[in-house]
Amino acid sequence: MSQQMHQQQINVELGEKEAEGIYSNLAIITHSPAEFVVDFTRMLPGTPKTKVYARIIMTPQHAKSLLRALDENIKKYEAQFGEIKILGDPKAKPLGFQPAVETSATIETK
């Protein structure tokens, strides 16, 4: 017996404030047995302090569904635009200009 997947259509309202979005370049994730908490912050160069701009609280099941949805969308993005490079990843090739590698040499004179 095969099961048919029933997709429910959801009408999502997006308010003007939410439509602007919030920029984040750092997410801090904590969890308990009952929930995952994702705090979205942004770090600026030369600034040792930041604040939480948005907090999302979800069940472990929803967190895993989000992980799967992100994975699927990242694969689609990379198929269209190429691999996303992560700075500091030892497997990644360097981006941009790199400083010259210093070597030591000895010169013999007679």
Protein backbone atom coordinates (compact mmCIF):
# COMPACT_ATOMS: atom_id res chain seq x y z
CA MET A 1 0.00 0.00 0.00
CA SER A 2 1.47 3.35 -0.94
CA GLN A 3 0.91 6.51 1.00
CA GLN A 4 0.31 9.74 -0.83
CA MET A 5 1.97 12.83 0.58
CA HIS A 6 -0.66 15.49 1.20
CA GLN A 7 0.72 19.01 0.92
CA GLN A 8 -1.19 21.61 2.82
CA GLN A 9 -1.09 25.13 1.44
CA ILE A 10 -0.35 27.74 4.08
CA ASN A 11 -1.14 31.43 3.78
CA VAL A 12 1.74 33.31 5.45
CA GLU A 13 1.37 37.00 6.24
CA LEU A 14 4.59 39.03 6.16
CA GLY A 15 4.43 42.31 8.04
CA GLU A 16 6.27 45.42 6.87
CA LYS A 17 8.75 45.32 9.77
CA GLU A 18 9.51 41.61 9.27
CA ALA A 19 9.88 42.08 5.51
CA GLU A 20 12.89 44.34 6.15
CA GLY A 21 14.72 41.41 7.71
CA ILE A 22 17.53 41.41 10.26
CA TYR A 23 21.16 40.95 9.21
CA SER A 24 23.10 38.37 11.23
CA ASN A 25 26.61 37.02 10.78
CA LEU A 26 26.70 34.97 13.99
CA ALA A 27 24.20 32.49 15.40
CA ILE A 28 24.56 31.09 18.91
CA ILE A 29 22.72 27.80 19.36
CA THR A 30 21.84 26.21 22.71
CA HIS A 31 19.47 23.39 23.53
CA SER A 32 17.69 21.51 26.29
CA PRO A 33 15.83 18.20 26.05
CA ALA A 34 12.69 20.12 25.07
CA GLU A 35 13.87 22.92 22.79
CA PHE A 36 16.55 24.52 20.63
CA VAL A 37 17.29 28.23 21.00
CA VAL A 38 18.96 30.12 18.15
CA ASP A 39 20.13 33.65 18.96
CA PHE A 40 20.99 35.77 15.93
CA THR A 41 23.64 38.45 16.48
CA ARG A 42 26.10 40.38 14.37
CA MET A 43 29.75 40.98 15.08
CA LEU A 44 31.43 44.08 13.70
CA PRO A 45 35.21 44.42 13.28
CA GLY A 46 36.87 45.99 16.30
CA THR A 47 33.76 45.62 18.45
CA PRO A 48 34.15 43.11 21.31
CA LYS A 49 30.48 43.24 22.29
CA THR A 50 27.26 42.40 20.49
CA LYS A 51 23.60 41.88 21.31
CA VAL A 52 20.88 39.44 20.28
CA TYR A 53 18.73 40.88 17.48
CA ALA A 54 16.39 37.91 17.15
CA ARG A 55 15.77 34.70 19.11
CA ILE A 56 14.05 31.67 17.61
CA ILE A 57 12.89 28.87 19.93
CA MET A 58 11.82 25.55 18.42
CA THR A 59 11.28 21.91 19.26
CA PRO A 60 14.03 19.39 18.43
CA GLN A 61 11.81 18.02 15.64
CA HIS A 62 11.44 21.46 14.07
CA ALA A 63 15.18 22.11 14.45
CA LYS A 64 15.92 18.90 12.53
CA SER A 65 13.37 19.86 9.85
CA LEU A 66 15.09 23.26 9.56
CA LEU A 67 18.48 21.52 9.19
CA ARG A 68 17.12 19.37 6.35
CA ALA A 69 15.50 22.36 4.63
CA LEU A 70 18.75 24.38 4.88
CA ASP A 71 20.75 21.45 3.52
CA GLU A 72 18.38 21.06 0.57
CA ASN A 73 18.44 24.79 -0.20
CA ILE A 74 22.24 25.05 0.10
CA LYS A 75 22.59 22.20 -2.39
CA LYS A 76 20.25 24.01 -4.81
CA TYR A 77 22.16 27.28 -4.32
CA GLU A 78 25.55 25.63 -4.94
CA ALA A 79 24.23 23.85 -8.02
CA GLN A 80 23.27 27.24 -9.45
CA PHE A 81 26.05 29.53 -8.16
CA GLY A 82 28.95 27.24 -7.18
CA GLU A 83 30.34 26.05 -3.89
CA ILE A 84 29.98 28.34 -0.89
CA LYS A 85 33.45 29.00 0.53
CA ILE A 86 33.82 29.13 4.30
CA LEU A 87 36.61 31.40 5.52
CA GLY A 88 39.04 29.61 7.80
CA ASP A 89 38.15 26.19 6.40
CA PRO A 90 41.46 24.32 6.03
CA LYS A 91 40.03 22.41 3.02
CA ALA A 92 39.14 25.62 1.18
CA LYS A 93 41.48 27.32 -1.25
CA PRO A 94 42.54 30.83 -0.15
CA LEU A 95 40.39 33.73 -1.35
CA GLY A 96 41.80 37.03 -2.56
CA PHE A 97 45.39 38.21 -2.29
CA GLN A 98 47.70 36.27 -0.02
CA PRO A 99 50.88 37.54 1.64
CA ALA A 100 54.16 36.24 0.25
CA VAL A 101 55.54 33.24 2.09
CA GLU A 102 58.79 34.11 3.81
CA THR A 103 61.70 31.77 3.23
CA SER A 104 65.09 31.89 4.77
CA ALA A 105 68.13 31.61 2.56
CA THR A 106 71.81 31.76 3.28
CA ILE A 107 74.25 33.34 0.89
CA GLU A 108 77.80 32.15 0.87
CA THR A 109 80.53 34.59 -0.03
CA LYS A 110 84.13 33.78 -0.83
